[in-house]
Amino acid sequence: MLNRRRGFEAKVVSTHRTPALLFDYAASGAAHLPGMLAAQTTLPVPSKYPKSMGSLLSIVQMPKGIPVATFAIAKRVQPTAALFAAALLEAFRTEQSATVFNMSLPEA
């Protein structure tokens, strides 16, 4: 870029403390991106499994309040991740069903 005289902007941002900057300064393929996305949504954020301990640590060290489920660095752990997802959905559905059944309808 420097040789072609193209404009660019370089900025160092904290991947864990400024997740809102994700949309302006995201580096594709970076291991911290799933955690930054998780900080912006309540939806699950799938990611390829980390390939190194550095990748794993950048994901699991998200600040308090940002839920990130991370599993071991190996393909053989995929069944564990699937079981976790199933258990999470089961717990959500149980709570959701109980809430609906305990609701009272407004009087007409």
Protein backbone atom coordinates (compact mmCIF):
# COMPACT_ATOMS: atom_id res chain seq x y z
CA MET A 1 0.00 0.00 0.00
CA LEU A 2 2.79 2.39 0.81
CA ASN A 3 4.44 1.85 -2.59
CA ARG A 4 1.18 2.38 -4.48
CA ARG A 5 0.32 5.59 -2.63
CA ARG A 6 -3.08 4.32 -1.57
CA GLY A 7 -4.75 5.74 1.48
CA PHE A 8 -5.18 3.56 4.52
CA GLU A 9 -5.69 3.84 8.22
CA ALA A 10 -3.97 1.70 10.84
CA LYS A 11 -5.27 1.71 14.38
CA VAL A 12 -4.52 -0.46 17.40
CA VAL A 13 -7.72 -1.35 19.28
CA SER A 14 -8.28 -3.54 22.31
CA THR A 15 -9.99 -6.69 21.11
CA HIS A 16 -11.46 -7.33 24.53
CA ARG A 17 -12.32 -3.85 25.77
CA THR A 18 -13.68 -2.17 22.64
CA PRO A 19 -15.84 -4.75 20.85
CA ALA A 20 -17.93 -1.98 19.26
CA LEU A 21 -14.91 -1.12 17.08
CA LEU A 22 -15.11 -4.58 15.53
CA PHE A 23 -17.10 -3.33 12.59
CA ASP A 24 -14.58 -0.59 11.79
CA TYR A 25 -11.28 -2.33 12.52
CA ALA A 26 -11.73 -6.10 12.15
CA ALA A 27 -8.86 -8.19 10.83
CA SER A 28 -10.37 -11.20 9.10
CA GLY A 29 -9.40 -14.60 10.36
CA ALA A 30 -8.16 -13.33 13.71
CA ALA A 31 -8.83 -15.67 16.61
CA HIS A 32 -10.37 -12.95 18.78
CA LEU A 33 -13.18 -12.14 16.32
CA PRO A 34 -15.68 -14.73 17.65
CA GLY A 35 -15.40 -13.21 21.12
CA MET A 36 -15.77 -9.69 19.78
CA LEU A 37 -18.87 -10.71 17.82
CA ALA A 38 -20.28 -12.51 20.87
CA ALA A 39 -19.99 -9.26 22.80
CA GLN A 40 -22.34 -7.61 20.30
CA THR A 41 -25.13 -10.21 20.11
CA THR A 42 -27.04 -12.77 22.13
CA LEU A 43 -26.99 -15.21 19.21
CA PRO A 44 -24.46 -18.07 19.09
CA VAL A 45 -21.29 -17.20 17.18
CA PRO A 46 -19.74 -20.29 15.58
CA SER A 47 -16.03 -20.37 14.89
CA LYS A 48 -13.50 -22.80 13.51
CA TYR A 49 -11.65 -24.50 16.32
CA PRO A 50 -8.50 -22.65 17.46
CA LYS A 51 -5.28 -23.95 16.01
CA SER A 52 -2.94 -22.77 18.77
CA MET A 53 -2.86 -22.01 22.47
CA GLY A 54 -2.61 -18.29 21.64
CA SER A 55 -5.84 -18.49 19.64
CA LEU A 56 -7.59 -20.33 22.45
CA LEU A 57 -6.45 -17.84 25.09
CA SER A 58 -7.55 -14.84 23.02
CA ILE A 59 -11.08 -16.28 22.96
CA VAL A 60 -11.44 -17.51 26.53
CA GLN A 61 -10.16 -14.30 28.11
CA MET A 62 -13.16 -12.18 27.19
CA PRO A 63 -14.26 -9.75 29.93
CA LYS A 64 -16.93 -10.52 32.51
CA GLY A 65 -20.42 -10.57 31.02
CA ILE A 66 -19.50 -11.89 27.58
CA PRO A 67 -20.48 -15.58 27.45
CA VAL A 68 -18.10 -17.60 25.32
CA ALA A 69 -18.13 -21.41 25.29
CA THR A 70 -14.75 -22.73 24.20
CA PHE A 71 -13.54 -26.31 23.91
CA ALA A 72 -10.20 -28.05 23.51
CA ILE A 73 -7.94 -27.55 20.50
CA ALA A 74 -8.77 -30.69 18.50
CA LYS A 75 -11.35 -31.95 16.02
CA ARG A 76 -12.10 -34.92 18.27
CA VAL A 77 -13.79 -32.51 20.70
CA GLN A 78 -16.57 -31.63 18.25
CA PRO A 79 -18.97 -34.16 19.85
CA THR A 80 -18.41 -32.39 23.18
CA ALA A 81 -19.34 -29.06 21.61
CA ALA A 82 -22.46 -30.62 20.08
CA LEU A 83 -23.50 -32.06 23.45
CA PHE A 84 -22.97 -28.67 25.08
CA ALA A 85 -25.16 -26.98 22.47
CA ALA A 86 -27.90 -29.59 22.92
CA ALA A 87 -27.83 -29.17 26.72
CA LEU A 88 -27.97 -25.39 26.38
CA LEU A 89 -30.98 -25.58 24.06
CA GLU A 90 -32.73 -28.06 26.35
CA ALA A 91 -32.29 -25.77 29.36
CA PHE A 92 -33.58 -22.79 27.35
CA ARG A 93 -36.63 -24.67 26.07
CA THR A 94 -37.49 -25.94 29.56
CA GLU A 95 -37.35 -22.42 31.01
CA GLN A 96 -39.23 -20.97 28.04
CA SER A 97 -41.99 -23.60 28.29
CA ALA A 98 -42.38 -23.04 32.04
CA THR A 99 -42.68 -19.29 31.49
CA VAL A 100 -45.37 -19.72 28.83
CA PHE A 101 -47.37 -22.25 30.87
CA ASN A 102 -47.29 -19.98 33.95
CA MET A 103 -48.52 -16.90 32.07
CA SER A 104 -52.02 -15.69 32.63
CA LEU A 105 -53.96 -14.23 29.75
CA PRO A 106 -55.38 -10.74 30.10
CA GLU A 107 -59.09 -10.56 30.87
CA ALA A 108 -61.17 -9.39 27.91
